Amino acid sequence: MAFAAYETHMKTKAKLAKANAGAGEAEAAAMRSELTALKDRVRVLEKI
């Protein structure tokens, strides 16, 4: 029973790590998009 619980724990941990890696990529893409938008706003403000 202890081995089965440990194996389940390790599988769950691996799934969470995989999900977090995908979320990290999505978050990085969102941050890049936001950075581009902010740079555009700064250009407009500098022009004004």
ModelCIF file with pLDDT and N, C-alpha, C, O atoms, coordinates in Angstrom:
data_MODEL
#
_entry.id   MODEL 
#
_entity.id                         1 
_entity.type                       polymer 
_entity.pdbx_number_of_molecules   1 
#
_entity_poly.entity_id                      1 
_entity_poly.type                           'polypeptide(L)' 
_entity_poly.nstd_linkage                   no 
_entity_poly.nstd_monomer                   no 
_entity_poly.pdbx_seq_one_letter_code       MAFAAYETHMKTKAKLAKANAGAGEAEAAAMRSELTALKDRVRVLEKI 
_entity_poly.pdbx_seq_one_letter_code_can   MAFAAYETHMKTKAKLAKANAGAGEAEAAAMRSELTALKDRVRVLEKI 
_entity_poly.pdbx_strand_id                 A 
#
loop_
_entity_poly_seq.entity_id 
_entity_poly_seq.num 
_entity_poly_seq.mon_id 
_entity_poly_seq.hetero 
1 1  MET n 
1 2  ALA n 
1 3  PHE n 
1 4  ALA n 
1 5  ALA n 
1 6  TYR n 
1 7  GLU n 
1 8  THR n 
1 9  HIS n 
1 10 MET n 
1 11 LYS n 
1 12 THR n 
1 13 LYS n 
1 14 ALA n 
1 15 LYS n 
1 16 LEU n 
1 17 ALA n 
1 18 LYS n 
1 19 ALA n 
1 20 ASN n 
1 21 ALA n 
1 22 GLY n 
1 23 ALA n 
1 24 GLY n 
1 25 GLU n 
1 26 ALA n 
1 27 GLU n 
1 28 ALA n 
1 29 ALA n 
1 30 ALA n 
1 31 MET n 
1 32 ARG n 
1 33 SER n 
1 34 GLU n 
1 35 LEU n 
1 36 THR n 
1 37 ALA n 
1 38 LEU n 
1 39 LYS n 
1 40 ASP n 
1 41 ARG n 
1 42 VAL n 
1 43 ARG n 
1 44 VAL n 
1 45 LEU n 
1 46 GLU n 
1 47 LYS n 
1 48 ILE n 
#
_struct_asym.id          A 
_struct_asym.entity_id   1 
#
loop_
_ma_qa_metric.id 
_ma_qa_metric.mode 
_ma_qa_metric.name 
_ma_qa_metric.software_group_id 
_ma_qa_metric.type 
1 global pLDDT . pLDDT 
2 local  pLDDT . pLDDT 
#
_ma_qa_metric_global.metric_id      1 
_ma_qa_metric_global.metric_value   87.31 
_ma_qa_metric_global.model_id       1 
_ma_qa_metric_global.ordinal_id     1 
#
loop_
_ma_qa_metric_local.label_asym_id 
_ma_qa_metric_local.label_comp_id 
_ma_qa_metric_local.label_seq_id 
_ma_qa_metric_local.metric_id 
_ma_qa_metric_local.metric_value 
_ma_qa_metric_local.model_id 
_ma_qa_metric_local.ordinal_id 
A MET 1  2 94.00 1 1  
A ALA 2  2 94.00 1 2  
A PHE 3  2 93.00 1 3  
A ALA 4  2 93.00 1 4  
A ALA 5  2 94.00 1 5  
A TYR 6  2 94.00 1 6  
A GLU 7  2 95.00 1 7  
A THR 8  2 94.00 1 8  
A HIS 9  2 93.00 1 9  
A MET 10 2 94.00 1 10 
A LYS 11 2 93.00 1 11 
A THR 12 2 92.00 1 12 
A LYS 13 2 91.00 1 13 
A ALA 14 2 90.00 1 14 
A LYS 15 2 87.00 1 15 
A LEU 16 2 86.00 1 16 
A ALA 17 2 83.00 1 17 
A LYS 18 2 81.00 1 18 
A ALA 19 2 75.00 1 19 
A ASN 20 2 74.00 1 20 
A ALA 21 2 74.00 1 21 
A GLY 22 2 70.00 1 22 
A ALA 23 2 70.00 1 23 
A GLY 24 2 75.00 1 24 
A GLU 25 2 77.00 1 25 
A ALA 26 2 77.00 1 26 
A GLU 27 2 81.00 1 27 
A ALA 28 2 82.00 1 28 
A ALA 29 2 85.00 1 29 
A ALA 30 2 88.00 1 30 
A MET 31 2 90.00 1 31 
A ARG 32 2 93.00 1 32 
A SER 33 2 94.00 1 33 
A GLU 34 2 94.00 1 34 
A LEU 35 2 94.00 1 35 
A THR 36 2 94.00 1 36 
A ALA 37 2 95.00 1 37 
A LEU 38 2 95.00 1 38 
A LYS 39 2 95.00 1 39 
A ASP 40 2 94.00 1 40 
A ARG 41 2 93.00 1 41 
A VAL 42 2 93.00 1 42 
A ARG 43 2 91.00 1 43 
A VAL 44 2 86.00 1 44 
A LEU 45 2 82.00 1 45 
A GLU 46 2 82.00 1 46 
A LYS 47 2 81.00 1 47 
A ILE 48 2 76.00 1 48 
#
loop_
_atom_site.group_PDB 
_atom_site.id 
_atom_site.type_symbol 
_atom_site.label_atom_id 
_atom_site.label_alt_id 
_atom_site.label_comp_id 
_atom_site.label_asym_id 
_atom_site.label_entity_id 
_atom_site.label_seq_id 
_atom_site.pdbx_PDB_ins_code 
_atom_site.Cartn_x 
_atom_site.Cartn_y 
_atom_site.Cartn_z 
_atom_site.occupancy 
_atom_site.B_iso_or_equiv 
_atom_site.pdbx_formal_charge 
_atom_site.auth_seq_id 
_atom_site.auth_comp_id 
_atom_site.auth_asym_id 
_atom_site.auth_atom_id 
_atom_site.pdbx_PDB_model_num 
ATOM 1   N N  . MET A 1 1  ? 0.831 -1.214 0.000   1.00 94.00 ? 1  MET A N  1 
ATOM 2   C CA . MET A 1 1  ? 0.000 0.000  0.000   1.00 94.00 ? 1  MET A CA 1 
ATOM 3   C C  . MET A 1 1  ? 0.864 1.262  0.000   1.00 94.00 ? 1  MET A C  1 
ATOM 4   O O  . MET A 1 1  ? 0.540 2.237  -0.678  1.00 94.00 ? 1  MET A O  1 
ATOM 5   N N  . ALA A 1 2  ? 1.943 1.244  0.746   1.00 94.00 ? 2  ALA A N  1 
ATOM 6   C CA . ALA A 1 2  ? 2.847 2.394  0.780   1.00 94.00 ? 2  ALA A CA 1 
ATOM 7   C C  . ALA A 1 2  ? 3.476 2.614  -0.590  1.00 94.00 ? 2  ALA A C  1 
ATOM 8   O O  . ALA A 1 2  ? 3.594 3.751  -1.045  1.00 94.00 ? 2  ALA A O  1 
ATOM 9   N N  . PHE A 1 3  ? 3.881 1.524  -1.254  1.00 93.00 ? 3  PHE A N  1 
ATOM 10  C CA . PHE A 1 3  ? 4.463 1.647  -2.585  1.00 93.00 ? 3  PHE A CA 1 
ATOM 11  C C  . PHE A 1 3  ? 3.433 2.190  -3.577  1.00 93.00 ? 3  PHE A C  1 
ATOM 12  O O  . PHE A 1 3  ? 3.768 3.036  -4.405  1.00 93.00 ? 3  PHE A O  1 
ATOM 13  N N  . ALA A 1 4  ? 2.207 1.725  -3.506  1.00 93.00 ? 4  ALA A N  1 
ATOM 14  C CA . ALA A 1 4  ? 1.144 2.202  -4.406  1.00 93.00 ? 4  ALA A CA 1 
ATOM 15  C C  . ALA A 1 4  ? 0.874 3.686  -4.177  1.00 93.00 ? 4  ALA A C  1 
ATOM 16  O O  . ALA A 1 4  ? 0.689 4.440  -5.133  1.00 93.00 ? 4  ALA A O  1 
ATOM 17  N N  . ALA A 1 5  ? 0.852 4.102  -2.929  1.00 94.00 ? 5  ALA A N  1 
ATOM 18  C CA . ALA A 1 5  ? 0.635 5.523  -2.615  1.00 94.00 ? 5  ALA A CA 1 
ATOM 19  C C  . ALA A 1 5  ? 1.789 6.370  -3.135  1.00 94.00 ? 5  ALA A C  1 
ATOM 20  O O  . ALA A 1 5  ? 1.569 7.454  -3.676  1.00 94.00 ? 5  ALA A O  1 
ATOM 21  N N  . TYR A 1 6  ? 3.009 5.887  -2.976  1.00 94.00 ? 6  TYR A N  1 
ATOM 22  C CA . TYR A 1 6  ? 4.182 6.609  -3.468  1.00 94.00 ? 6  TYR A CA 1 
ATOM 23  C C  . TYR A 1 6  ? 4.156 6.715  -4.997  1.00 94.00 ? 6  TYR A C  1 
ATOM 24  O O  . TYR A 1 6  ? 4.467 7.770  -5.551  1.00 94.00 ? 6  TYR A O  1 
ATOM 25  N N  . GLU A 1 7  ? 3.795 5.649  -5.663  1.00 95.00 ? 7  GLU A N  1 
ATOM 26  C CA . GLU A 1 7  ? 3.732 5.646  -7.126  1.00 95.00 ? 7  GLU A CA 1 
ATOM 27  C C  . GLU A 1 7  ? 2.669 6.627  -7.622  1.00 95.00 ? 7  GLU A C  1 
ATOM 28  O O  . GLU A 1 7  ? 2.899 7.356  -8.586  1.00 95.00 ? 7  GLU A O  1 
ATOM 29  N N  . THR A 1 8  ? 1.514 6.646  -6.969  1.00 94.00 ? 8  THR A N  1 
ATOM 30  C CA . THR A 1 8  ? 0.458 7.595  -7.327  1.00 94.00 ? 8  THR A CA 1 
ATOM 31  C C  . THR A 1 8  ? 0.927 9.029  -7.107  1.00 94.00 ? 8  THR A C  1 
ATOM 32  O O  . THR A 1 8  ? 0.659 9.908  -7.927  1.00 94.00 ? 8  THR A O  1 
ATOM 33  N N  . HIS A 1 9  ? 1.613 9.259  -6.021  1.00 93.00 ? 9  HIS A N  1 
ATOM 34  C CA . HIS A 1 9  ? 2.140 10.585 -5.724  1.00 93.00 ? 9  HIS A CA 1 
ATOM 35  C C  . HIS A 1 9  ? 3.119 11.040 -6.810  1.00 93.00 ? 9  HIS A C  1 
ATOM 36  O O  . HIS A 1 9  ? 3.062 12.189 -7.249  1.00 93.00 ? 9  HIS A O  1 
ATOM 37  N N  . MET A 1 10 ? 4.002 10.163 -7.237  1.00 94.00 ? 10 MET A N  1 
ATOM 38  C CA . MET A 1 10 ? 4.986 10.522 -8.255  1.00 94.00 ? 10 MET A CA 1 
ATOM 39  C C  . MET A 1 10 ? 4.326 10.791 -9.611  1.00 94.00 ? 10 MET A C  1 
ATOM 40  O O  . MET A 1 10 ? 4.743 11.699 -10.329 1.00 94.00 ? 10 MET A O  1 
ATOM 41  N N  . LYS A 1 11 ? 3.307 10.016 -9.963  1.00 93.00 ? 11 LYS A N  1 
ATOM 42  C CA . LYS A 1 11 ? 2.591 10.253 -11.219 1.00 93.00 ? 11 LYS A CA 1 
ATOM 43  C C  . LYS A 1 11 ? 1.879 11.598 -11.193 1.00 93.00 ? 11 LYS A C  1 
ATOM 44  O O  . LYS A 1 11 ? 1.911 12.338 -12.177 1.00 93.00 ? 11 LYS A O  1 
ATOM 45  N N  . THR A 1 12 ? 1.244 11.915 -10.086 1.00 92.00 ? 12 THR A N  1 
ATOM 46  C CA . THR A 1 12 ? 0.558 13.196 -9.945  1.00 92.00 ? 12 THR A CA 1 
ATOM 47  C C  . THR A 1 12 ? 1.546 14.352 -10.006 1.00 92.00 ? 12 THR A C  1 
ATOM 48  O O  . THR A 1 12 ? 1.275 15.376 -10.634 1.00 92.00 ? 12 THR A O  1 
ATOM 49  N N  . LYS A 1 13 ? 2.673 14.190 -9.363  1.00 91.00 ? 13 LYS A N  1 
ATOM 50  C CA . LYS A 1 13 ? 3.711 15.224 -9.378  1.00 91.00 ? 13 LYS A CA 1 
ATOM 51  C C  . LYS A 1 13 ? 4.225 15.462 -10.801 1.00 91.00 ? 13 LYS A C  1 
ATOM 52  O O  . LYS A 1 13 ? 4.463 16.606 -11.190 1.00 91.00 ? 13 LYS A O  1 
ATOM 53  N N  . ALA A 1 14 ? 4.396 14.395 -11.572 1.00 90.00 ? 14 ALA A N  1 
ATOM 54  C CA . ALA A 1 14 ? 4.864 14.516 -12.958 1.00 90.00 ? 14 ALA A CA 1 
ATOM 55  C C  . ALA A 1 14 ? 3.818 15.223 -13.820 1.00 90.00 ? 14 ALA A C  1 
ATOM 56  O O  . ALA A 1 14 ? 4.162 16.055 -14.660 1.00 90.00 ? 14 ALA A O  1 
ATOM 57  N N  . LYS A 1 15 ? 2.540 14.891 -13.611 1.00 87.00 ? 15 LYS A N  1 
ATOM 58  C CA . LYS A 1 15 ? 1.472 15.552 -14.374 1.00 87.00 ? 15 LYS A CA 1 
ATOM 59  C C  . LYS A 1 15 ? 1.422 17.048 -14.054 1.00 87.00 ? 15 LYS A C  1 
ATOM 60  O O  . LYS A 1 15 ? 1.254 17.868 -14.957 1.00 87.00 ? 15 LYS A O  1 
ATOM 61  N N  . LEU A 1 16 ? 1.566 17.402 -12.791 1.00 86.00 ? 16 LEU A N  1 
ATOM 62  C CA . LEU A 1 16 ? 1.546 18.810 -12.402 1.00 86.00 ? 16 LEU A CA 1 
ATOM 63  C C  . LEU A 1 16 ? 2.737 19.558 -12.977 1.00 86.00 ? 16 LEU A C  1 
ATOM 64  O O  . LEU A 1 16 ? 2.601 20.703 -13.407 1.00 86.00 ? 16 LEU A O  1 
ATOM 65  N N  . ALA A 1 17 ? 3.895 18.926 -12.991 1.00 83.00 ? 17 ALA A N  1 
ATOM 66  C CA . ALA A 1 17 ? 5.085 19.568 -13.556 1.00 83.00 ? 17 ALA A CA 1 
ATOM 67  C C  . ALA A 1 17 ? 4.893 19.805 -15.046 1.00 83.00 ? 17 ALA A C  1 
ATOM 68  O O  . ALA A 1 17 ? 5.278 20.853 -15.564 1.00 83.00 ? 17 ALA A O  1 
ATOM 69  N N  . LYS A 1 18 ? 4.306 18.845 -15.730 1.00 81.00 ? 18 LYS A N  1 
ATOM 70  C CA . LYS A 1 18 ? 4.061 18.982 -17.166 1.00 81.00 ? 18 LYS A CA 1 
ATOM 71  C C  . LYS A 1 18 ? 3.048 20.103 -17.429 1.00 81.00 ? 18 LYS A C  1 
ATOM 72  O O  . LYS A 1 18 ? 3.218 20.888 -18.362 1.00 81.00 ? 18 LYS A O  1 
ATOM 73  N N  . ALA A 1 19 ? 2.004 20.175 -16.613 1.00 75.00 ? 19 ALA A N  1 
ATOM 74  C CA . ALA A 1 19 ? 0.987 21.215 -16.767 1.00 75.00 ? 19 ALA A CA 1 
ATOM 75  C C  . ALA A 1 19 ? 1.572 22.589 -16.480 1.00 75.00 ? 19 ALA A C  1 
ATOM 76  O O  . ALA A 1 19 ? 1.254 23.556 -17.173 1.00 75.00 ? 19 ALA A O  1 
ATOM 77  N N  . ASN A 1 20 ? 2.418 22.684 -15.475 1.00 74.00 ? 20 ASN A N  1 
ATOM 78  C CA . ASN A 1 20 ? 3.036 23.961 -15.144 1.00 74.00 ? 20 ASN A CA 1 
ATOM 79  C C  . ASN A 1 20 ? 3.987 24.418 -16.230 1.00 74.00 ? 20 ASN A C  1 
ATOM 80  O O  . ASN A 1 20 ? 4.111 25.619 -16.473 1.00 74.00 ? 20 ASN A O  1 
ATOM 81  N N  . ALA A 1 21 ? 4.659 23.495 -16.887 1.00 74.00 ? 21 ALA A N  1 
ATOM 82  C CA . ALA A 1 21 ? 5.564 23.859 -17.977 1.00 74.00 ? 21 ALA A CA 1 
ATOM 83  C C  . ALA A 1 21 ? 4.773 24.476 -19.120 1.00 74.00 ? 21 ALA A C  1 
ATOM 84  O O  . ALA A 1 21 ? 5.200 25.474 -19.701 1.00 74.00 ? 21 ALA A O  1 
ATOM 85  N N  . GLY A 1 22 ? 3.635 23.900 -19.445 1.00 70.00 ? 22 GLY A N  1 
ATOM 86  C CA . GLY A 1 22 ? 2.778 24.453 -20.490 1.00 70.00 ? 22 GLY A CA 1 
ATOM 87  C C  . GLY A 1 22 ? 2.223 25.805 -20.091 1.00 70.00 ? 22 GLY A C  1 
ATOM 88  O O  . GLY A 1 22 ? 2.130 26.709 -20.921 1.00 70.00 ? 22 GLY A O  1 
ATOM 89  N N  . ALA A 1 23 ? 1.857 25.950 -18.843 1.00 70.00 ? 23 ALA A N  1 
ATOM 90  C CA . ALA A 1 23 ? 1.338 27.222 -18.350 1.00 70.00 ? 23 ALA A CA 1 
ATOM 91  C C  . ALA A 1 23 ? 2.433 28.278 -18.360 1.00 70.00 ? 23 ALA A C  1 
ATOM 92  O O  . ALA A 1 23 ? 2.162 29.453 -18.609 1.00 70.00 ? 23 ALA A O  1 
ATOM 93  N N  . GLY A 1 24 ? 3.658 27.871 -18.094 1.00 75.00 ? 24 GLY A N  1 
ATOM 94  C CA . GLY A 1 24 ? 4.779 28.813 -18.115 1.00 75.00 ? 24 GLY A CA 1 
ATOM 95  C C  . GLY A 1 24 ? 5.008 29.362 -19.506 1.00 75.00 ? 24 GLY A C  1 
ATOM 96  O O  . GLY A 1 24 ? 5.299 30.548 -19.663 1.00 75.00 ? 24 GLY A O  1 
ATOM 97  N N  . GLU A 1 25 ? 4.883 28.518 -20.525 1.00 77.00 ? 25 GLU A N  1 
ATOM 98  C CA . GLU A 1 25 ? 5.040 28.975 -21.903 1.00 77.00 ? 25 GLU A CA 1 
ATOM 99  C C  . GLU A 1 25 ? 3.925 29.936 -22.278 1.00 77.00 ? 25 GLU A C  1 
ATOM 100 O O  . GLU A 1 25 ? 4.173 30.953 -22.927 1.00 77.00 ? 25 GLU A O  1 
ATOM 101 N N  . ALA A 1 26 ? 2.704 29.627 -21.878 1.00 77.00 ? 26 ALA A N  1 
ATOM 102 C CA . ALA A 1 26 ? 1.573 30.513 -22.170 1.00 77.00 ? 26 ALA A CA 1 
ATOM 103 C C  . ALA A 1 26 ? 1.736 31.843 -21.448 1.00 77.00 ? 26 ALA A C  1 
ATOM 104 O O  . ALA A 1 26 ? 1.433 32.902 -21.997 1.00 77.00 ? 26 ALA A O  1 
ATOM 105 N N  . GLU A 1 27 ? 2.214 31.778 -20.224 1.00 81.00 ? 27 GLU A N  1 
ATOM 106 C CA . GLU A 1 27 ? 2.433 33.010 -19.455 1.00 81.00 ? 27 GLU A CA 1 
ATOM 107 C C  . GLU A 1 27 ? 3.534 33.858 -20.084 1.00 81.00 ? 27 GLU A C  1 
ATOM 108 O O  . GLU A 1 27 ? 3.427 35.083 -20.131 1.00 81.00 ? 27 GLU A O  1 
ATOM 109 N N  . ALA A 1 28 ? 4.581 33.214 -20.561 1.00 82.00 ? 28 ALA A N  1 
ATOM 110 C CA . ALA A 1 28 ? 5.666 33.946 -21.216 1.00 82.00 ? 28 ALA A CA 1 
ATOM 111 C C  . ALA A 1 28 ? 5.175 34.612 -22.493 1.00 82.00 ? 28 ALA A C  1 
ATOM 112 O O  . ALA A 1 28 ? 5.553 35.747 -22.784 1.00 82.00 ? 28 ALA A O  1 
ATOM 113 N N  . ALA A 1 29 ? 4.341 33.922 -23.255 1.00 85.00 ? 29 ALA A N  1 
ATOM 114 C CA . ALA A 1 29 ? 3.787 34.515 -24.480 1.00 85.00 ? 29 ALA A CA 1 
ATOM 115 C C  . ALA A 1 29 ? 2.904 35.711 -24.141 1.00 85.00 ? 29 ALA A C  1 
ATOM 116 O O  . ALA A 1 29 ? 2.941 36.727 -24.835 1.00 85.00 ? 29 ALA A O  1 
ATOM 117 N N  . ALA A 1 30 ? 2.116 35.597 -23.087 1.00 88.00 ? 30 ALA A N  1 
ATOM 118 C CA . ALA A 1 30 ? 1.261 36.714 -22.664 1.00 88.00 ? 30 ALA A CA 1 
ATOM 119 C C  . ALA A 1 30 ? 2.111 37.894 -22.212 1.00 88.00 ? 30 ALA A C  1 
ATOM 120 O O  . ALA A 1 30 ? 1.781 39.046 -22.496 1.00 88.00 ? 30 ALA A O  1 
ATOM 121 N N  . MET A 1 31 ? 3.201 37.609 -21.511 1.00 90.00 ? 31 MET A N  1 
ATOM 122 C CA . MET A 1 31 ? 4.078 38.695 -21.053 1.00 90.00 ? 31 MET A CA 1 
ATOM 123 C C  . MET A 1 31 ? 4.756 39.380 -22.237 1.00 90.00 ? 31 MET A C  1 
ATOM 124 O O  . MET A 1 31 ? 4.907 40.601 -22.240 1.00 90.00 ? 31 MET A O  1 
ATOM 125 N N  . ARG A 1 32 ? 5.170 38.597 -23.253 1.00 93.00 ? 32 ARG A N  1 
ATOM 126 C CA . ARG A 1 32 ? 5.772 39.197 -24.448 1.00 93.00 ? 32 ARG A CA 1 
ATOM 127 C C  . ARG A 1 32 ? 4.770 40.090 -25.159 1.00 93.00 ? 32 ARG A C  1 
ATOM 128 O O  . ARG A 1 32 ? 5.116 41.177 -25.621 1.00 93.00 ? 32 ARG A O  1 
ATOM 129 N N  . SER A 1 33 ? 3.530 39.633 -25.247 1.00 94.00 ? 33 SER A N  1 
ATOM 130 C CA . SER A 1 33 ? 2.483 40.422 -25.883 1.00 94.00 ? 33 SER A CA 1 
ATOM 131 C C  . SER A 1 33 ? 2.242 41.723 -25.120 1.00 94.00 ? 33 SER A C  1 
ATOM 132 O O  . SER A 1 33 ? 2.103 42.790 -25.716 1.00 94.00 ? 33 SER A O  1 
ATOM 133 N N  . GLU A 1 34 ? 2.196 41.616 -23.803 1.00 94.00 ? 34 GLU A N  1 
ATOM 134 C CA . GLU A 1 34 ? 1.990 42.808 -22.975 1.00 94.00 ? 34 GLU A CA 1 
ATOM 135 C C  . GLU A 1 34 ? 3.166 43.772 -23.095 1.00 94.00 ? 34 GLU A C  1 
ATOM 136 O O  . GLU A 1 34 ? 2.975 44.988 -23.124 1.00 94.00 ? 34 GLU A O  1 
ATOM 137 N N  . LEU A 1 35 ? 4.375 43.235 -23.166 1.00 94.00 ? 35 LEU A N  1 
ATOM 138 C CA . LEU A 1 35 ? 5.558 44.077 -23.313 1.00 94.00 ? 35 LEU A CA 1 
ATOM 139 C C  . LEU A 1 35 ? 5.524 44.835 -24.631 1.00 94.00 ? 35 LEU A C  1 
ATOM 140 O O  . LEU A 1 35 ? 5.864 46.018 -24.680 1.00 94.00 ? 35 LEU A O  1 
ATOM 141 N N  . THR A 1 36 ? 5.115 44.161 -25.700 1.00 94.00 ? 36 THR A N  1 
ATOM 142 C CA . THR A 1 36 ? 5.002 44.823 -27.000 1.00 94.00 ? 36 THR A CA 1 
ATOM 143 C C  . THR A 1 36 ? 3.977 45.948 -26.945 1.00 94.00 ? 36 THR A C  1 
ATOM 144 O O  . THR A 1 36 ? 4.213 47.038 -27.466 1.00 94.00 ? 36 THR A O  1 
ATOM 145 N N  . ALA A 1 37 ? 2.836 45.679 -26.310 1.00 95.00 ? 37 ALA A N  1 
ATOM 146 C CA . ALA A 1 37 ? 1.797 46.698 -26.185 1.00 95.00 ? 37 ALA A CA 1 
ATOM 147 C C  . ALA A 1 37 ? 2.299 47.891 -25.368 1.00 95.00 ? 37 ALA A C  1 
ATOM 148 O O  . ALA A 1 37 ? 2.017 49.040 -25.708 1.00 95.00 ? 37 ALA A O  1 
ATOM 149 N N  . LEU A 1 38 ? 3.033 47.624 -24.308 1.00 95.00 ? 38 LEU A N  1 
ATOM 150 C CA . LEU A 1 38 ? 3.561 48.710 -23.477 1.00 95.00 ? 38 LEU A CA 1 
ATOM 151 C C  . LEU A 1 38 ? 4.595 49.534 -24.227 1.00 95.00 ? 38 LEU A C  1 
ATOM 152 O O  . LEU A 1 38 ? 4.632 50.756 -24.087 1.00 95.00 ? 38 LEU A O  1 
ATOM 153 N N  . LYS A 1 39 ? 5.437 48.879 -25.022 1.00 95.00 ? 39 LYS A N  1 
ATOM 154 C CA . LYS A 1 39 ? 6.417 49.620 -25.827 1.00 95.00 ? 39 LYS A CA 1 
ATOM 155 C C  . LYS A 1 39 ? 5.713 50.532 -26.824 1.00 95.00 ? 39 LYS A C  1 
ATOM 156 O O  . LYS A 1 39 ? 6.142 51.666 -27.040 1.00 95.00 ? 39 LYS A O  1 
ATOM 157 N N  . ASP A 1 40 ? 4.635 50.045 -27.434 1.00 94.00 ? 40 ASP A N  1 
ATOM 158 C CA . ASP A 1 40 ? 3.871 50.875 -28.364 1.00 94.00 ? 40 ASP A CA 1 
ATOM 159 C C  . ASP A 1 40 ? 3.275 52.083 -27.641 1.00 94.00 ? 40 ASP A C  1 
ATOM 160 O O  . ASP A 1 40 ? 3.272 53.194 -28.172 1.00 94.00 ? 40 ASP A O  1 
ATOM 161 N N  . ARG A 1 41 ? 2.779 51.860 -26.443 1.00 93.00 ? 41 ARG A N  1 
ATOM 162 C CA . ARG A 1 41 ? 2.210 52.981 -25.678 1.00 93.00 ? 41 ARG A CA 1 
ATOM 163 C C  . ARG A 1 41 ? 3.270 54.010 -25.316 1.00 93.00 ? 41 ARG A C  1 
ATOM 164 O O  . ARG A 1 41 ? 3.012 55.214 -25.346 1.00 93.00 ? 41 ARG A O  1 
ATOM 165 N N  . VAL A 1 42 ? 4.462 53.534 -24.973 1.00 93.00 ? 42 VAL A N  1 
ATOM 166 C CA . VAL A 1 42 ? 5.548 54.458 -24.634 1.00 93.00 ? 42 VAL A CA 1 
ATOM 167 C C  . VAL A 1 42 ? 5.930 55.281 -25.861 1.00 93.00 ? 42 VAL A C  1 
ATOM 168 O O  . VAL A 1 42 ? 6.186 56.480 -25.751 1.00 93.00 ? 42 VAL A O  1 
ATOM 169 N N  . ARG A 1 43 ? 5.968 54.640 -27.031 1.00 91.00 ? 43 ARG A N  1 
ATOM 170 C CA . ARG A 1 43 ? 6.272 55.393 -28.261 1.00 91.00 ? 43 ARG A CA 1 
ATOM 171 C C  . ARG A 1 43 ? 5.258 56.493 -28.496 1.00 91.00 ? 43 ARG A C  1 
ATOM 172 O O  . ARG A 1 43 ? 5.620 57.618 -28.838 1.00 91.00 ? 43 ARG A O  1 
ATOM 173 N N  . VAL A 1 44 ? 3.986 56.166 -28.311 1.00 86.00 ? 44 VAL A N  1 
ATOM 174 C CA . VAL A 1 44 ? 2.929 57.168 -28.501 1.00 86.00 ? 44 VAL A CA 1 
ATOM 175 C C  . VAL A 1 44 ? 3.087 58.304 -27.493 1.00 86.00 ? 44 VAL A C  1 
ATOM 176 O O  . VAL A 1 44 ? 2.968 59.476 -27.852 1.00 86.00 ? 44 VAL A O  1 
ATOM 177 N N  . LEU A 1 45 ? 3.350 57.962 -26.247 1.00 82.00 ? 45 LEU A N  1 
ATOM 178 C CA . LEU A 1 45 ? 3.521 58.998 -25.224 1.00 82.00 ? 45 LEU A CA 1 
ATOM 179 C C  . LEU A 1 45 ? 4.737 59.880 -25.510 1.00 82.00 ? 45 LEU A C  1 
ATOM 180 O O  . LEU A 1 45 ? 4.680 61.095 -25.319 1.00 82.00 ? 45 LEU A O  1 
ATOM 181 N N  . GLU A 1 46 ? 5.821 59.283 -25.961 1.00 82.00 ? 46 GLU A N  1 
ATOM 182 C CA . GLU A 1 46 ? 7.003 60.073 -26.308 1.00 82.00 ? 46 GLU A CA 1 
ATOM 183 C C  . GLU A 1 46 ? 6.695 61.023 -27.450 1.00 82.00 ? 46 GLU A C  1 
ATOM 184 O O  . GLU A 1 46 ? 7.157 62.164 -27.460 1.00 82.00 ? 46 GLU A O  1 
ATOM 185 N N  . LYS A 1 47 ? 5.917 60.553 -28.409 1.00 81.00 ? 47 LYS A N  1 
ATOM 186 C CA . LYS A 1 47 ? 5.549 61.409 -29.534 1.00 81.00 ? 47 LYS A CA 1 
ATOM 187 C C  . LYS A 1 47 ? 4.694 62.583 -29.066 1.00 81.00 ? 47 LYS A C  1 
ATOM 188 O O  . LYS A 1 47 ? 4.887 63.713 -29.512 1.00 81.00 ? 47 LYS A O  1 
ATOM 189 N N  . ILE A 1 48 ? 3.752 62.314 -28.168 1.00 76.00 ? 48 ILE A N  1 
ATOM 190 C CA . ILE A 1 48 ? 2.897 63.381 -27.647 1.00 76.00 ? 48 ILE A CA 1 
ATOM 191 C C  . ILE A 1 48 ? 3.723 64.402 -26.885 1.00 76.00 ? 48 ILE A C  1 
ATOM 192 O O  . ILE A 1 48 ? 3.177 65.378 -26.370 1.00 76.00 ? 48 ILE A O  1 
#
